[in-house]
Amino acid sequence: MRNWIFLLIVFIFALFQTTILDYLKIFGVKPNLFLISIVLAGIYFEWRWALFISLFSGILGDILGINRFGINTLIFALLCFLVIQLNKKLSLDNYFLSSIVTFICALLYAALTWLISLYLNNFIPPSVFLRIAFFETLYTSIIFIILQRCYHCVGDSNHRLIL
């Protein structure tokens, strides 16, 4: 049941990503709520469900975004797989450690989308890319900490949602 609730949360994140967050931009960038959802899924869900959430988030990101279709789906699945593997080695329940993982995932996302856009002949100057990547990564990590604390407030000691 909590899996379906989290899918609803991802859908709400999609609505926020495309509507409300446009008014909350800092230096022209907004946090990537889809990336936050896949990191949370990679930490708190079993691997099959986490990959399903990452694919769902990627498809929503591709439908609602400006990139070519499939880029977000591929990158989100890869990043979720990396978070799942890292969660097996380390306990990512720590706020500080999970926010560092989110920061790294956001940097990887930005770098991969930039490399793919270069490959597809959509040149973005490195100075613009670095500014956008840094602020978006920092903004995403800060929002991740807030949302992770909200997730813990709603959940019980096993980090399961209470219905």
Protein backbone atom coordinates (compact mmCIF):
# COMPACT_ATOMS: atom_id res chain seq x y z
CA MET A 1 0.00 0.00 0.00
CA ARG A 2 2.79 2.44 0.84
CA ASN A 3 4.32 1.76 -2.58
CA TRP A 4 1.22 3.12 -4.28
CA ILE A 5 1.20 6.11 -1.96
CA PHE A 6 4.80 6.85 -2.95
CA LEU A 7 3.82 6.63 -6.63
CA LEU A 8 1.12 9.21 -5.90
CA ILE A 9 3.79 11.37 -4.23
CA VAL A 10 5.96 11.05 -7.35
CA PHE A 11 2.99 12.20 -9.44
CA ILE A 12 2.52 15.16 -7.09
CA PHE A 13 6.25 15.91 -7.44
CA ALA A 14 5.71 15.94 -11.22
CA LEU A 15 2.96 18.52 -10.84
CA PHE A 16 5.11 20.65 -8.53
CA GLN A 17 8.13 20.31 -10.83
CA THR A 18 6.25 21.72 -13.77
CA THR A 19 4.08 24.34 -12.05
CA ILE A 20 4.87 25.69 -8.59
CA LEU A 21 8.64 25.33 -8.68
CA ASP A 22 8.83 27.66 -11.68
CA TYR A 23 8.01 30.47 -9.23
CA LEU A 24 10.62 29.31 -6.69
CA LYS A 25 13.67 29.38 -8.95
CA ILE A 26 16.94 30.53 -7.45
CA PHE A 27 19.46 31.85 -9.99
CA GLY A 28 17.21 30.46 -12.71
CA VAL A 29 17.28 26.85 -11.48
CA LYS A 30 14.87 24.71 -9.52
CA PRO A 31 15.39 21.48 -7.59
CA ASN A 32 14.90 18.18 -9.39
CA LEU A 33 12.09 16.49 -7.47
CA PHE A 34 12.26 13.45 -9.73
CA LEU A 35 15.86 12.91 -8.68
CA ILE A 36 14.86 13.26 -5.03
CA SER A 37 12.15 10.64 -5.48
CA ILE A 38 14.51 8.09 -7.01
CA VAL A 39 17.11 8.59 -4.27
CA LEU A 40 14.43 8.16 -1.61
CA ALA A 41 13.14 5.07 -3.41
CA GLY A 42 16.65 3.63 -3.67
CA ILE A 43 17.17 4.10 0.05
CA TYR A 44 13.80 3.02 1.48
CA PHE A 45 12.27 0.52 -0.98
CA GLU A 46 13.23 -2.92 -2.21
CA TRP A 47 15.22 -2.86 -5.45
CA ARG A 48 12.42 -3.94 -7.81
CA TRP A 49 10.05 -1.28 -6.60
CA ALA A 50 12.80 1.35 -6.51
CA LEU A 51 13.68 0.67 -10.14
CA PHE A 52 10.00 0.81 -11.07
CA ILE A 53 9.71 4.21 -9.36
CA SER A 54 12.82 5.42 -11.18
CA LEU A 55 11.40 4.31 -14.53
CA PHE A 56 8.06 5.96 -13.70
CA SER A 57 9.85 9.17 -12.66
CA GLY A 58 11.97 9.08 -15.80
CA ILE A 59 8.98 8.65 -18.06
CA LEU A 60 7.18 11.51 -16.32
CA GLY A 61 10.31 13.63 -16.59
CA ASP A 62 10.60 12.84 -20.28
CA ILE A 63 6.94 13.61 -20.94
CA LEU A 64 6.99 16.89 -19.03
CA GLY A 65 10.55 17.97 -19.83
CA ILE A 66 12.32 19.47 -22.81
CA ASN A 67 14.97 16.77 -23.34
CA ARG A 68 14.57 14.06 -25.92
CA PHE A 69 12.38 11.21 -24.83
CA GLY A 70 14.20 8.47 -22.95
CA ILE A 71 17.12 10.44 -21.55
CA ASN A 72 15.61 10.91 -18.08
CA THR A 73 14.34 7.34 -18.01
CA LEU A 74 17.79 5.96 -18.75
CA ILE A 75 19.67 8.25 -16.37
CA PHE A 76 17.20 7.85 -13.49
CA ALA A 77 17.29 4.06 -13.75
CA LEU A 78 21.10 4.15 -13.73
CA LEU A 79 21.26 6.50 -10.75
CA CYS A 80 18.68 4.51 -8.81
CA PHE A 81 20.67 1.34 -9.46
CA LEU A 82 23.80 3.09 -8.12
CA VAL A 83 21.94 4.26 -4.99
CA ILE A 84 20.62 0.73 -4.39
CA GLN A 85 24.11 -0.73 -4.71
CA LEU A 86 25.56 1.95 -2.44
CA ASN A 87 22.79 1.36 0.10
CA LYS A 88 23.85 -2.30 0.28
CA LYS A 89 27.38 -1.25 1.24
CA LEU A 90 26.54 1.72 3.49
CA SER A 91 23.55 2.64 5.58
CA LEU A 92 22.10 5.73 3.92
CA ASP A 93 19.61 6.46 6.71
CA ASN A 94 21.91 9.21 7.97
CA TYR A 95 20.72 12.64 6.80
CA PHE A 96 24.24 13.86 6.07
CA LEU A 97 25.32 10.78 4.12
CA SER A 98 22.09 10.58 2.12
CA SER A 99 22.30 14.28 1.25
CA ILE A 100 25.87 13.76 0.00
CA VAL A 101 24.63 10.85 -2.13
CA THR A 102 21.88 13.12 -3.47
CA PHE A 103 24.44 15.82 -4.23
CA ILE A 104 26.61 13.32 -6.13
CA CYS A 105 23.60 11.90 -7.99
CA ALA A 106 22.52 15.40 -9.00
CA LEU A 107 26.02 16.15 -10.26
CA LEU A 108 26.08 12.88 -12.20
CA TYR A 109 22.64 13.68 -13.64
CA ALA A 110 23.79 17.12 -14.76
CA ALA A 111 27.02 15.76 -16.24
CA LEU A 112 25.28 12.94 -18.09
CA THR A 113 22.60 15.21 -19.53
CA TRP A 114 25.31 17.66 -20.65
CA LEU A 115 27.33 14.88 -22.30
CA ILE A 116 24.23 13.50 -24.03
CA SER A 117 23.28 16.98 -25.22
CA LEU A 118 26.81 17.41 -26.62
CA TYR A 119 26.46 14.09 -28.41
CA LEU A 120 23.14 15.21 -29.87
CA ASN A 121 24.72 18.51 -31.07
CA ASN A 122 22.94 20.68 -28.48
CA PHE A 123 25.94 22.66 -27.27
CA ILE A 124 25.72 24.33 -23.87
CA PRO A 125 28.73 26.47 -22.95
CA PRO A 126 30.71 24.97 -20.04
CA SER A 127 30.40 28.16 -17.97
CA VAL A 128 26.60 28.05 -18.22
CA PHE A 129 26.54 24.32 -17.55
CA LEU A 130 28.74 24.61 -14.43
CA ARG A 131 26.63 27.41 -12.97
CA ILE A 132 23.36 25.56 -13.59
CA ALA A 133 24.79 22.22 -12.40
CA PHE A 134 26.18 23.68 -9.17
CA PHE A 135 23.07 25.61 -8.14
CA GLU A 136 20.64 22.88 -9.17
CA THR A 137 22.69 20.28 -7.31
CA LEU A 138 22.88 22.39 -4.17
CA TYR A 139 19.19 23.30 -4.32
CA THR A 140 18.19 19.67 -4.88
CA SER A 141 20.29 18.51 -1.91
CA ILE A 142 18.75 21.08 0.43
CA ILE A 143 15.20 20.18 -0.63
CA PHE A 144 16.13 16.49 -0.27
CA ILE A 145 17.05 17.00 3.40
CA ILE A 146 13.70 18.70 4.04
CA LEU A 147 11.71 15.99 2.24
CA GLN A 148 13.64 13.17 3.92
CA ARG A 149 12.86 14.63 7.32
CA CYS A 150 9.20 14.88 6.33
CA TYR A 151 9.31 11.25 5.21
CA HIS A 152 10.72 10.25 8.62
CA CYS A 153 8.06 12.27 10.44
CA VAL A 154 5.30 10.44 8.57
CA GLY A 155 6.92 6.99 8.90
CA ASP A 156 7.44 4.77 11.89
CA SER A 157 10.79 3.51 13.23
CA ASN A 158 11.20 1.15 10.24
CA HIS A 159 10.69 4.09 7.85
CA ARG A 160 7.40 2.68 6.63
CA LEU A 161 4.48 4.98 5.99
CA ILE A 162 1.73 4.73 8.58
CA LEU A 163 -1.71 4.59 7.03
